[in-house]
């Protein structure tokens, strides 16, 4: 793994998982890397919240399915009470409704438990840097499977559409159908940097923190439907 430059503060990591072997394994993976400092381990979501409030980690690596308080509930509590702490959700399953709940609650990313140690390190650094860690195509599959506009009817958009320009609406729509920034730029014949500017503006107008929450909002509002995202050939990037 890549080390830090001299005098670069280490990323403080809290590990939350109900399986002792998994907790210890994650700690053994991260501890030798000078980029990271494992500041604590929690065996359930409630303990994760207590430790995070006391230890103030930069990133919580959070198992989604845990006793007492699951990762979704713990993520929501951390978002409300320790807003500077970022959550990276872990799940055994690629398609897991709990992951969408965690993203909705404020998790900044999702990583399957069969990911490599290298992927774990990259994901923690990415989340710490303020970016989202979910491949757009996987994100869209998750959300299109588990998020629906009630009764099949479009719900009010999370903001007045008049605040979004027509081009911003189109970028939002393409984002929600699974395209990464390069794919959006290709479809609209604009630069990737212009796409990033549009996305930043969209996040502000929708009052969402990241790509995951923007995509959830698009499905909940009825802007896109699961059928619109089916069979999309592109969208393999990892960050917003």
C-alpha atoms as a PDB file:
ATOM      1  CA  UNK A   1       0.000   0.000   0.000  1.00  0.00           C
ATOM      2  CA  UNK A   2       1.033   3.534  -0.525  1.00  0.00           C
ATOM      3  CA  UNK A   3       2.464   5.314   2.529  1.00  0.00           C
ATOM      4  CA  UNK A   4       1.999   8.876   3.627  1.00  0.00           C
ATOM      5  CA  UNK A   5       4.396  11.735   3.098  1.00  0.00           C
ATOM      6  CA  UNK A   6       6.300  12.967   6.146  1.00  0.00           C
ATOM      7  CA  UNK A   7       4.160  15.020   8.535  1.00  0.00           C
ATOM      8  CA  UNK A   8       0.930  13.918   6.833  1.00  0.00           C
ATOM      9  CA  UNK A   9      -1.658  13.102   9.533  1.00  0.00           C
ATOM     10  CA  UNK A  10      -2.757   9.489   9.529  1.00  0.00           C
ATOM     11  CA  UNK A  11      -6.384   8.632   8.783  1.00  0.00           C
ATOM     12  CA  UNK A  12      -8.034   7.590  12.049  1.00  0.00           C
ATOM     13  CA  UNK A  13     -10.168   4.481  11.454  1.00  0.00           C
ATOM     14  CA  UNK A  14     -12.780   2.800  13.647  1.00  0.00           C
ATOM     15  CA  UNK A  15     -13.765  -0.762  12.685  1.00  0.00           C
ATOM     16  CA  UNK A  16     -17.315  -1.971  13.443  1.00  0.00           C
ATOM     17  CA  UNK A  17     -18.197  -5.624  12.844  1.00  0.00           C
ATOM     18  CA  UNK A  18     -19.909  -8.231  15.002  1.00  0.00           C
ATOM     19  CA  UNK A  19     -17.425 -10.962  14.020  1.00  0.00           C
ATOM     20  CA  UNK A  20     -14.177 -10.814  16.056  1.00  0.00           C
ATOM     21  CA  UNK A  21     -12.141 -12.476  13.303  1.00  0.00           C
ATOM     22  CA  UNK A  22     -13.329  -9.921  10.748  1.00  0.00           C
ATOM     23  CA  UNK A  23     -12.552  -7.003  13.060  1.00  0.00           C
ATOM     24  CA  UNK A  24      -9.096  -8.323  13.787  1.00  0.00           C
ATOM     25  CA  UNK A  25      -8.469  -9.129  10.136  1.00  0.00           C
ATOM     26  CA  UNK A  26      -9.368  -5.615   9.044  1.00  0.00           C
ATOM     27  CA  UNK A  27      -7.173  -4.182  11.785  1.00  0.00           C
ATOM     28  CA  UNK A  28      -4.226  -6.368  10.738  1.00  0.00           C
ATOM     29  CA  UNK A  29      -4.679  -5.256   7.128  1.00  0.00           C
ATOM     30  CA  UNK A  30      -4.720  -1.552   7.979  1.00  0.00           C
ATOM     31  CA  UNK A  31      -2.319  -1.243  10.917  1.00  0.00           C
ATOM     32  CA  UNK A  32       0.966  -1.817   9.005  1.00  0.00           C
ATOM     33  CA  UNK A  33       0.116   0.998   6.577  1.00  0.00           C
ATOM     34  CA  UNK A  34       1.460   4.335   7.867  1.00  0.00           C
ATOM     35  CA  UNK A  35      -1.521   6.052   6.203  1.00  0.00           C
ATOM     36  CA  UNK A  36      -3.874   4.642   8.822  1.00  0.00           C
ATOM     37  CA  UNK A  37      -4.310   4.523  12.575  1.00  0.00           C
ATOM     38  CA  UNK A  38      -6.883   2.022  13.838  1.00  0.00           C
ATOM     39  CA  UNK A  39      -8.240   3.827  16.897  1.00  0.00           C
ATOM     40  CA  UNK A  40     -10.822   1.277  18.011  1.00  0.00           C
ATOM     41  CA  UNK A  41     -13.034  -1.723  17.295  1.00  0.00           C
ATOM     42  CA  UNK A  42     -16.776  -2.074  17.917  1.00  0.00           C
ATOM     43  CA  UNK A  43     -18.840  -5.269  17.997  1.00  0.00           C
ATOM     44  CA  UNK A  44     -22.203  -3.673  17.166  1.00  0.00           C
ATOM     45  CA  UNK A  45     -23.676  -0.439  15.883  1.00  0.00           C
ATOM     46  CA  UNK A  46     -24.465   0.990  19.293  1.00  0.00           C
ATOM     47  CA  UNK A  47     -20.902   0.508  20.465  1.00  0.00           C
ATOM     48  CA  UNK A  48     -19.664   2.043  17.205  1.00  0.00           C
ATOM     49  CA  UNK A  49     -21.657   5.211  17.918  1.00  0.00           C
ATOM     50  CA  UNK A  50     -20.355   5.438  21.493  1.00  0.00           C
ATOM     51  CA  UNK A  51     -16.735   4.916  20.422  1.00  0.00           C
ATOM     52  CA  UNK A  52     -17.016   7.312  17.481  1.00  0.00           C
ATOM     53  CA  UNK A  53     -18.321  10.072  19.727  1.00  0.00           C
ATOM     54  CA  UNK A  54     -15.391   9.536  22.086  1.00  0.00           C
ATOM     55  CA  UNK A  55     -12.566   8.747  19.663  1.00  0.00           C
ATOM     56  CA  UNK A  56     -13.602  11.031  16.759  1.00  0.00           C
ATOM     57  CA  UNK A  57     -12.321   8.789  13.927  1.00  0.00           C
ATOM     58  CA  UNK A  58     -12.069  10.147  10.400  1.00  0.00           C
ATOM     59  CA  UNK A  59     -13.630   7.017   8.888  1.00  0.00           C
ATOM     60  CA  UNK A  60     -15.780   4.216  10.328  1.00  0.00           C
ATOM     61  CA  UNK A  61     -15.576   0.943   8.414  1.00  0.00           C
ATOM     62  CA  UNK A  62     -19.098  -0.238   9.214  1.00  0.00           C
ATOM     63  CA  UNK A  63     -20.574  -3.709   8.753  1.00  0.00           C
ATOM     64  CA  UNK A  64     -24.208  -3.273   7.723  1.00  0.00           C
ATOM     65  CA  UNK A  65     -25.781  -6.283   9.431  1.00  0.00           C
ATOM     66  CA  UNK A  66     -24.997  -6.212  13.163  1.00  0.00           C
ATOM     67  CA  UNK A  67     -26.926  -6.885  16.396  1.00  0.00           C
ATOM     68  CA  UNK A  68     -28.223  -4.321  18.932  1.00  0.00           C
ATOM     69  CA  UNK A  69     -28.072  -1.499  16.367  1.00  0.00           C
ATOM     70  CA  UNK A  70     -27.410  -2.324  12.742  1.00  0.00           C
ATOM     71  CA  UNK A  71     -25.079  -0.381  10.467  1.00  0.00           C
ATOM     72  CA  UNK A  72     -27.935   1.624   8.960  1.00  0.00           C
ATOM     73  CA  UNK A  73     -29.109   2.930  12.320  1.00  0.00           C
ATOM     74  CA  UNK A  74     -25.551   3.563  13.467  1.00  0.00           C
ATOM     75  CA  UNK A  75     -24.769   5.478  10.282  1.00  0.00           C
ATOM     76  CA  UNK A  76     -27.802   7.696  10.788  1.00  0.00           C
ATOM     77  CA  UNK A  77     -26.778   8.467  14.375  1.00  0.00           C
ATOM     78  CA  UNK A  78     -23.214   9.266  13.332  1.00  0.00           C
ATOM     79  CA  UNK A  79     -24.404  11.559  10.530  1.00  0.00           C
ATOM     80  CA  UNK A  80     -26.471  13.478  13.076  1.00  0.00           C
ATOM     81  CA  UNK A  81     -24.025  13.574  15.985  1.00  0.00           C
ATOM     82  CA  UNK A  82     -20.521  13.167  14.520  1.00  0.00           C
ATOM     83  CA  UNK A  83     -20.873  14.844  11.108  1.00  0.00           C
ATOM     84  CA  UNK A  84     -17.125  14.999  10.492  1.00  0.00           C
ATOM     85  CA  UNK A  85     -16.927  11.206  10.579  1.00  0.00           C
ATOM     86  CA  UNK A  86     -17.360   9.401   7.258  1.00  0.00           C
ATOM     87  CA  UNK A  87     -18.824   5.908   6.995  1.00  0.00           C
ATOM     88  CA  UNK A  88     -17.665   3.213   4.584  1.00  0.00           C
ATOM     89  CA  UNK A  89     -20.317   0.468   4.583  1.00  0.00           C
ATOM     90  CA  UNK A  90     -19.334  -3.193   4.275  1.00  0.00           C
ATOM     91  CA  UNK A  91     -21.641  -6.001   3.194  1.00  0.00           C
ATOM     92  CA  UNK A  92     -21.276  -9.680   2.348  1.00  0.00           C
ATOM     93  CA  UNK A  93     -23.761  -9.219  -0.483  1.00  0.00           C
ATOM     94  CA  UNK A  94     -23.463  -7.052  -3.600  1.00  0.00           C
ATOM     95  CA  UNK A  95     -27.239  -6.650  -3.738  1.00  0.00           C
ATOM     96  CA  UNK A  96     -28.344  -5.727  -0.241  1.00  0.00           C
ATOM     97  CA  UNK A  97     -31.245  -3.449   0.705  1.00  0.00           C
ATOM     98  CA  UNK A  98     -29.343  -2.531   3.858  1.00  0.00           C
ATOM     99  CA  UNK A  99     -26.676  -0.857   1.707  1.00  0.00           C
ATOM    100  CA  UNK A 100     -29.232   1.518   0.195  1.00  0.00           C
ATOM    101  CA  UNK A 101     -30.472   2.280   3.699  1.00  0.00           C
ATOM    102  CA  UNK A 102     -26.931   3.074   4.812  1.00  0.00           C
ATOM    103  CA  UNK A 103     -26.326   5.318   1.798  1.00  0.00           C
ATOM    104  CA  UNK A 104     -29.618   7.073   2.466  1.00  0.00           C
ATOM    105  CA  UNK A 105     -28.608   7.492   6.129  1.00  0.00           C
ATOM    106  CA  UNK A 106     -25.362   9.169   5.149  1.00  0.00           C
ATOM    107  CA  UNK A 107     -22.750   6.517   4.343  1.00  0.00           C
ATOM    108  CA  UNK A 108     -20.194   7.798   1.858  1.00  0.00           C
ATOM    109  CA  UNK A 109     -19.529   4.494   0.163  1.00  0.00           C
ATOM    110  CA  UNK A 110     -19.992   0.751  -0.043  1.00  0.00           C
ATOM    111  CA  UNK A 111     -17.476  -2.071  -0.330  1.00  0.00           C
ATOM    112  CA  UNK A 112     -18.256  -5.807  -0.636  1.00  0.00           C
ATOM    113  CA  UNK A 113     -16.503  -7.910   1.999  1.00  0.00           C
ATOM    114  CA  UNK A 114     -14.730  -9.952  -0.665  1.00  0.00           C
ATOM    115  CA  UNK A 115     -12.792  -6.859  -1.820  1.00  0.00           C
ATOM    116  CA  UNK A 116      -9.004  -6.958  -1.751  1.00  0.00           C
ATOM    117  CA  UNK A 117      -6.923  -5.299   0.994  1.00  0.00           C
ATOM    118  CA  UNK A 118      -5.711  -2.837  -1.634  1.00  0.00           C
ATOM    119  CA  UNK A 119      -9.303  -1.906  -2.516  1.00  0.00           C
ATOM    120  CA  UNK A 120     -10.058  -1.366   1.166  1.00  0.00           C
ATOM    121  CA  UNK A 121      -7.178   1.066   1.546  1.00  0.00           C
ATOM    122  CA  UNK A 122      -8.140   2.968  -1.590  1.00  0.00           C
ATOM    123  CA  UNK A 123     -11.788   3.139  -0.478  1.00  0.00           C
ATOM    124  CA  UNK A 124     -10.901   4.536   2.951  1.00  0.00           C
ATOM    125  CA  UNK A 125      -8.642   7.188   1.401  1.00  0.00           C
ATOM    126  CA  UNK A 126     -11.331   8.110  -1.139  1.00  0.00           C
ATOM    127  CA  UNK A 127     -14.073   8.434   1.481  1.00  0.00           C
ATOM    128  CA  UNK A 128     -11.738  10.456   3.719  1.00  0.00           C
ATOM    129  CA  UNK A 129     -11.088  12.803   0.781  1.00  0.00           C
ATOM    130  CA  UNK A 130     -14.817  13.528   0.561  1.00  0.00           C
ATOM    131  CA  UNK A 131     -15.675  11.431  -2.473  1.00  0.00           C
ATOM    132  CA  UNK A 132     -18.131   8.550  -2.880  1.00  0.00           C
ATOM    133  CA  UNK A 133     -17.001   4.944  -3.219  1.00  0.00           C
ATOM    134  CA  UNK A 134     -19.602   3.020  -5.186  1.00  0.00           C
ATOM    135  CA  UNK A 135     -19.232   1.965  -8.811  1.00  0.00           C
ATOM    136  CA  UNK A 136     -22.049   3.895 -10.547  1.00  0.00           C
ATOM    137  CA  UNK A 137     -23.374   0.741 -12.248  1.00  0.00           C
ATOM    138  CA  UNK A 138     -23.528  -1.173  -8.939  1.00  0.00           C
ATOM    139  CA  UNK A 139     -25.080   1.838  -7.218  1.00  0.00           C
ATOM    140  CA  UNK A 140     -27.801   2.021  -9.858  1.00  0.00           C
ATOM    141  CA  UNK A 141     -28.491  -1.733  -9.623  1.00  0.00           C
ATOM    142  CA  UNK A 142     -28.832  -1.481  -5.852  1.00  0.00           C
ATOM    143  CA  UNK A 143     -31.096   1.537  -5.869  1.00  0.00           C
ATOM    144  CA  UNK A 144     -33.258   0.436  -8.808  1.00  0.00           C
ATOM    145  CA  UNK A 145     -33.863  -2.846  -6.968  1.00  0.00           C
ATOM    146  CA  UNK A 146     -34.657  -1.455  -3.513  1.00  0.00           C
ATOM    147  CA  UNK A 147     -35.954   2.107  -4.009  1.00  0.00           C
ATOM    148  CA  UNK A 148     -39.372   2.789  -5.497  1.00  0.00           C
ATOM    149  CA  UNK A 149     -41.668   5.784  -5.792  1.00  0.00           C
ATOM    150  CA  UNK A 150     -44.684   4.680  -3.690  1.00  0.00           C
ATOM    151  CA  UNK A 151     -47.592   3.173  -5.676  1.00  0.00           C
ATOM    152  CA  UNK A 152     -45.642   3.690  -8.905  1.00  0.00           C
ATOM    153  CA  UNK A 153     -46.404   7.404  -8.932  1.00  0.00           C
ATOM    154  CA  UNK A 154     -43.857  10.155  -9.179  1.00  0.00           C
ATOM    155  CA  UNK A 155     -43.333  11.962  -5.899  1.00  0.00           C
ATOM    156  CA  UNK A 156     -42.494  15.641  -5.501  1.00  0.00           C
ATOM    157  CA  UNK A 157     -38.892  16.326  -6.429  1.00  0.00           C
ATOM    158  CA  UNK A 158     -36.616  17.166  -3.480  1.00  0.00           C
ATOM    159  CA  UNK A 159     -36.278  20.681  -4.800  1.00  0.00           C
ATOM    160  CA  UNK A 160     -38.091  22.981  -7.173  1.00  0.00           C
ATOM    161  CA  UNK A 161     -37.050  21.799 -10.642  1.00  0.00           C
ATOM    162  CA  UNK A 162     -36.975  25.450 -11.622  1.00  0.00           C
ATOM    163  CA  UNK A 163     -33.784  25.734  -9.604  1.00  0.00           C
ATOM    164  CA  UNK A 164     -32.111  23.172 -11.858  1.00  0.00           C
ATOM    165  CA  UNK A 165     -31.234  24.162 -15.393  1.00  0.00           C
ATOM    166  CA  UNK A 166     -32.330  21.807 -18.190  1.00  0.00           C
ATOM    167  CA  UNK A 167     -28.714  20.684 -18.606  1.00  0.00           C
ATOM    168  CA  UNK A 168     -28.419  19.967 -14.880  1.00  0.00           C
ATOM    169  CA  UNK A 169     -31.588  17.863 -15.013  1.00  0.00           C
ATOM    170  CA  UNK A 170     -30.098  15.883 -17.903  1.00  0.00           C
ATOM    171  CA  UNK A 171     -26.822  15.341 -16.043  1.00  0.00           C
ATOM    172  CA  UNK A 172     -28.769  14.224 -12.965  1.00  0.00           C
ATOM    173  CA  UNK A 173     -30.819  11.817 -15.086  1.00  0.00           C
ATOM    174  CA  UNK A 174     -27.732  10.291 -16.716  1.00  0.00           C
ATOM    175  CA  UNK A 175     -25.990  10.025 -13.352  1.00  0.00           C
ATOM    176  CA  UNK A 176     -28.990   8.128 -11.983  1.00  0.00           C
ATOM    177  CA  UNK A 177     -29.074   5.689 -14.918  1.00  0.00           C
ATOM    178  CA  UNK A 178     -25.558   4.500 -14.083  1.00  0.00           C
ATOM    179  CA  UNK A 179     -23.168   6.598 -16.132  1.00  0.00           C
ATOM    180  CA  UNK A 180     -19.914   7.749 -14.589  1.00  0.00           C
ATOM    181  CA  UNK A 181     -18.563  11.224 -15.275  1.00  0.00           C
ATOM    182  CA  UNK A 182     -16.742  10.132 -18.434  1.00  0.00           C
ATOM    183  CA  UNK A 183     -19.913   8.495 -19.761  1.00  0.00           C
ATOM    184  CA  UNK A 184     -21.972  11.618 -19.080  1.00  0.00           C
ATOM    185  CA  UNK A 185     -19.353  13.775 -20.787  1.00  0.00           C
ATOM    186  CA  UNK A 186     -19.402  11.470 -23.828  1.00  0.00           C
ATOM    187  CA  UNK A 187     -23.194  11.484 -24.119  1.00  0.00           C
ATOM    188  CA  UNK A 188     -23.491  15.274 -23.771  1.00  0.00           C
ATOM    189  CA  UNK A 189     -20.352  16.112 -25.777  1.00  0.00           C
ATOM    190  CA  UNK A 190     -18.848  18.150 -22.944  1.00  0.00           C
ATOM    191  CA  UNK A 191     -15.671  17.841 -20.873  1.00  0.00           C
ATOM    192  CA  UNK A 192     -15.381  15.757 -17.726  1.00  0.00           C
ATOM    193  CA  UNK A 193     -14.477  18.886 -15.767  1.00  0.00           C
ATOM    194  CA  UNK A 194     -17.716  20.524 -16.946  1.00  0.00           C
ATOM    195  CA  UNK A 195     -19.636  17.443 -15.799  1.00  0.00           C
ATOM    196  CA  UNK A 196     -18.011  17.735 -12.362  1.00  0.00           C
ATOM    197  CA  UNK A 197     -19.074  21.394 -12.169  1.00  0.00           C
ATOM    198  CA  UNK A 198     -22.660  20.456 -13.033  1.00  0.00           C
ATOM    199  CA  UNK A 199     -22.679  17.691 -10.419  1.00  0.00           C
ATOM    200  CA  UNK A 200     -21.388  20.035  -7.723  1.00  0.00           C
ATOM    201  CA  UNK A 201     -24.211  22.452  -8.561  1.00  0.00           C
ATOM    202  CA  UNK A 202     -26.793  19.628  -8.569  1.00  0.00           C
ATOM    203  CA  UNK A 203     -25.667  18.437  -5.136  1.00  0.00           C
ATOM    204  CA  UNK A 204     -26.095  21.957  -3.768  1.00  0.00           C
ATOM    205  CA  UNK A 205     -29.542  22.492  -5.273  1.00  0.00           C
ATOM    206  CA  UNK A 206     -30.807  19.061  -4.185  1.00  0.00           C
ATOM    207  CA  UNK A 207     -29.240  19.482  -0.750  1.00  0.00           C
ATOM    208  CA  UNK A 208     -27.549  16.074  -0.978  1.00  0.00           C
ATOM    209  CA  UNK A 209     -24.052  15.187   0.129  1.00  0.00           C
ATOM    210  CA  UNK A 210     -22.882  12.854  -2.616  1.00  0.00           C
ATOM    211  CA  UNK A 211     -23.673  10.863  -5.734  1.00  0.00           C
ATOM    212  CA  UNK A 212     -25.421   8.067  -3.841  1.00  0.00           C
ATOM    213  CA  UNK A 213     -27.947  10.419  -2.258  1.00  0.00           C
ATOM    214  CA  UNK A 214     -28.490  12.195  -5.589  1.00  0.00           C
ATOM    215  CA  UNK A 215     -29.272   8.890  -7.308  1.00  0.00           C
ATOM    216  CA  UNK A 216     -31.640   7.849  -4.513  1.00  0.00           C
ATOM    217  CA  UNK A 217     -33.408  11.216  -4.867  1.00  0.00           C
ATOM    218  CA  UNK A 218     -33.782  10.657  -8.616  1.00  0.00           C
ATOM    219  CA  UNK A 219     -35.494   7.294  -8.097  1.00  0.00           C
ATOM    220  CA  UNK A 220     -37.681   8.505  -5.248  1.00  0.00           C
ATOM    221  CA  UNK A 221     -38.795  11.527  -7.256  1.00  0.00           C
ATOM    222  CA  UNK A 222     -39.683   9.466 -10.316  1.00  0.00           C
ATOM    223  CA  UNK A 223     -37.137  11.294 -12.485  1.00  0.00           C
ATOM    224  CA  UNK A 224     -35.847   7.863 -13.486  1.00  0.00           C
ATOM    225  CA  UNK A 225     -37.319   4.365 -13.182  1.00  0.00           C
ATOM    226  CA  UNK A 226     -35.630   0.975 -12.872  1.00  0.00           C
ATOM    227  CA  UNK A 227     -36.328   0.255 -16.533  1.00  0.00           C
ATOM    228  CA  UNK A 228     -34.385   3.389 -17.551  1.00  0.00           C
ATOM    229  CA  UNK A 229     -31.266   1.980 -15.917  1.00  0.00           C
ATOM    230  CA  UNK A 230     -31.512  -1.592 -17.216  1.00  0.00           C
ATOM    231  CA  UNK A 231     -28.742  -2.860 -19.463  1.00  0.00           C
ATOM    232  CA  UNK A 232     -26.588   0.234 -19.321  1.00  0.00           C
ATOM    233  CA  UNK A 233     -23.225  -0.719 -20.824  1.00  0.00           C
ATOM    234  CA  UNK A 234     -21.142   1.923 -19.120  1.00  0.00           C
ATOM    235  CA  UNK A 235     -20.598   3.323 -15.658  1.00  0.00           C
ATOM    236  CA  UNK A 236     -17.621   1.580 -14.053  1.00  0.00           C
ATOM    237  CA  UNK A 237     -15.965   4.523 -12.330  1.00  0.00           C
ATOM    238  CA  UNK A 238     -15.811   4.721  -8.545  1.00  0.00           C
ATOM    239  CA  UNK A 239     -16.018   8.362  -7.490  1.00  0.00           C
ATOM    240  CA  UNK A 240     -18.469  11.233  -7.860  1.00  0.00           C
END
